Amino acid sequence: MPPVGLLLGGVDFTQLAVTLKEAAGDDPAVTLNYGNFIQTVTGFLIVAWAIFLAVKGMNRLRGDAEAEAAE
């Protein structure tokens, strides 16, 4: 989501991880990728806020239209 990247100043959290167990032989390292979670939550909150503002604006417009119709 390029707009989210612009809002966050190009910060990318997806590479943040904690290594729980190092790689051994053919077995890959076991990591806890908390950066993906932070990136997803941040994107969700921005989209949720935009939808909230849109619904709030539509409700205000509908309320104004109903008030004019009642007069």
C-alpha atoms as a PDB file:
ATOM      1  CA  MET A   1       0.000   0.000   0.000  1.00  0.00           C
ATOM      2  CA  PRO A   2       1.991   2.991  -1.250  1.00  0.00           C
ATOM      3  CA  PRO A   3      -0.095   5.623   0.630  1.00  0.00           C
ATOM      4  CA  VAL A   4       0.625   3.829   3.911  1.00  0.00           C
ATOM      5  CA  GLY A   5       4.320   3.886   3.052  1.00  0.00           C
ATOM      6  CA  LEU A   6       4.147   7.625   2.444  1.00  0.00           C
ATOM      7  CA  LEU A   7       2.332   8.224   5.737  1.00  0.00           C
ATOM      8  CA  LEU A   8       4.929   6.226   7.655  1.00  0.00           C
ATOM      9  CA  GLY A   9       7.848   7.874   5.876  1.00  0.00           C
ATOM     10  CA  GLY A  10       8.854   4.737   3.986  1.00  0.00           C
ATOM     11  CA  VAL A  11       9.336   2.678   7.151  1.00  0.00           C
ATOM     12  CA  ASP A  12       9.088  -1.070   6.539  1.00  0.00           C
ATOM     13  CA  PHE A  13       8.635  -3.214   9.634  1.00  0.00           C
ATOM     14  CA  THR A  14       8.391  -6.544   7.823  1.00  0.00           C
ATOM     15  CA  GLN A  15      12.056  -7.429   8.343  1.00  0.00           C
ATOM     16  CA  LEU A  16      11.849  -7.209  12.161  1.00  0.00           C
ATOM     17  CA  ALA A  17      12.155 -10.627  13.770  1.00  0.00           C
ATOM     18  CA  VAL A  18      13.481 -12.396  16.846  1.00  0.00           C
ATOM     19  CA  THR A  19      15.468 -15.563  16.276  1.00  0.00           C
ATOM     20  CA  LEU A  20      14.226 -18.276  18.622  1.00  0.00           C
ATOM     21  CA  LYS A  21      16.523 -21.008  17.333  1.00  0.00           C
ATOM     22  CA  GLU A  22      19.512 -20.611  15.035  1.00  0.00           C
ATOM     23  CA  ALA A  23      19.760 -22.542  11.784  1.00  0.00           C
ATOM     24  CA  ALA A  24      21.416 -25.924  12.146  1.00  0.00           C
ATOM     25  CA  GLY A  25      22.526 -27.875   9.088  1.00  0.00           C
ATOM     26  CA  ASP A  26      19.621 -28.126   6.641  1.00  0.00           C
ATOM     27  CA  ASP A  27      17.064 -26.889   9.183  1.00  0.00           C
ATOM     28  CA  PRO A  28      16.178 -23.202   8.781  1.00  0.00           C
ATOM     29  CA  ALA A  29      16.218 -20.782  11.700  1.00  0.00           C
ATOM     30  CA  VAL A  30      13.063 -20.492  13.799  1.00  0.00           C
ATOM     31  CA  THR A  31      12.018 -16.838  13.991  1.00  0.00           C
ATOM     32  CA  LEU A  32       9.184 -14.804  15.434  1.00  0.00           C
ATOM     33  CA  ASN A  33       8.353 -12.271  12.718  1.00  0.00           C
ATOM     34  CA  TYR A  34       6.718  -9.547  14.772  1.00  0.00           C
ATOM     35  CA  GLY A  35       7.442  -6.957  12.073  1.00  0.00           C
ATOM     36  CA  ASN A  36       4.790  -8.454   9.803  1.00  0.00           C
ATOM     37  CA  PHE A  37       2.257  -8.119  12.613  1.00  0.00           C
ATOM     38  CA  ILE A  38       3.170  -4.470  13.262  1.00  0.00           C
ATOM     39  CA  GLN A  39       2.960  -3.645   9.532  1.00  0.00           C
ATOM     40  CA  THR A  40      -0.432  -5.353   9.184  1.00  0.00           C
ATOM     41  CA  VAL A  41      -1.913  -3.719  12.284  1.00  0.00           C
ATOM     42  CA  THR A  42      -0.684  -0.278  11.187  1.00  0.00           C
ATOM     43  CA  GLY A  43      -2.203  -0.701   7.732  1.00  0.00           C
ATOM     44  CA  PHE A  44      -5.473  -1.955   9.225  1.00  0.00           C
ATOM     45  CA  LEU A  45      -5.721   1.009  11.607  1.00  0.00           C
ATOM     46  CA  ILE A  46      -5.184   3.511   8.799  1.00  0.00           C
ATOM     47  CA  VAL A  47      -7.834   1.868   6.607  1.00  0.00           C
ATOM     48  CA  ALA A  48     -10.256   1.534   9.553  1.00  0.00           C
ATOM     49  CA  TRP A  49      -9.815   5.228  10.398  1.00  0.00           C
ATOM     50  CA  ALA A  50     -10.511   6.236   6.780  1.00  0.00           C
ATOM     51  CA  ILE A  51     -13.674   4.110   6.665  1.00  0.00           C
ATOM     52  CA  PHE A  52     -14.800   5.516  10.026  1.00  0.00           C
ATOM     53  CA  LEU A  53     -14.411   9.072   8.754  1.00  0.00           C
ATOM     54  CA  ALA A  54     -16.273   8.247   5.529  1.00  0.00           C
ATOM     55  CA  VAL A  55     -19.209   6.675   7.390  1.00  0.00           C
ATOM     56  CA  LYS A  56     -19.290   9.550   9.865  1.00  0.00           C
ATOM     57  CA  GLY A  57     -19.407  12.045   6.982  1.00  0.00           C
ATOM     58  CA  MET A  58     -22.192  10.147   5.217  1.00  0.00           C
ATOM     59  CA  ASN A  59     -24.234  10.005   8.419  1.00  0.00           C
ATOM     60  CA  ARG A  60     -23.813  13.745   8.907  1.00  0.00           C
ATOM     61  CA  LEU A  61     -24.946  14.424   5.332  1.00  0.00           C
ATOM     62  CA  ARG A  62     -27.942  12.100   5.762  1.00  0.00           C
ATOM     63  CA  GLY A  63     -28.868  13.815   9.045  1.00  0.00           C
ATOM     64  CA  ASP A  64     -28.693  17.238   7.407  1.00  0.00           C
ATOM     65  CA  ALA A  65     -30.884  16.059   4.529  1.00  0.00           C
ATOM     66  CA  GLU A  66     -33.467  14.610   6.923  1.00  0.00           C
ATOM     67  CA  ALA A  67     -33.533  17.835   8.935  1.00  0.00           C
ATOM     68  CA  GLU A  68     -34.185  19.873   5.772  1.00  0.00           C
ATOM     69  CA  ALA A  69     -36.958  17.493   4.704  1.00  0.00           C
ATOM     70  CA  ALA A  70     -38.679  17.840   8.097  1.00  0.00           C
ATOM     71  CA  GLU A  71     -38.823  21.641   7.816  1.00  0.00           C
END
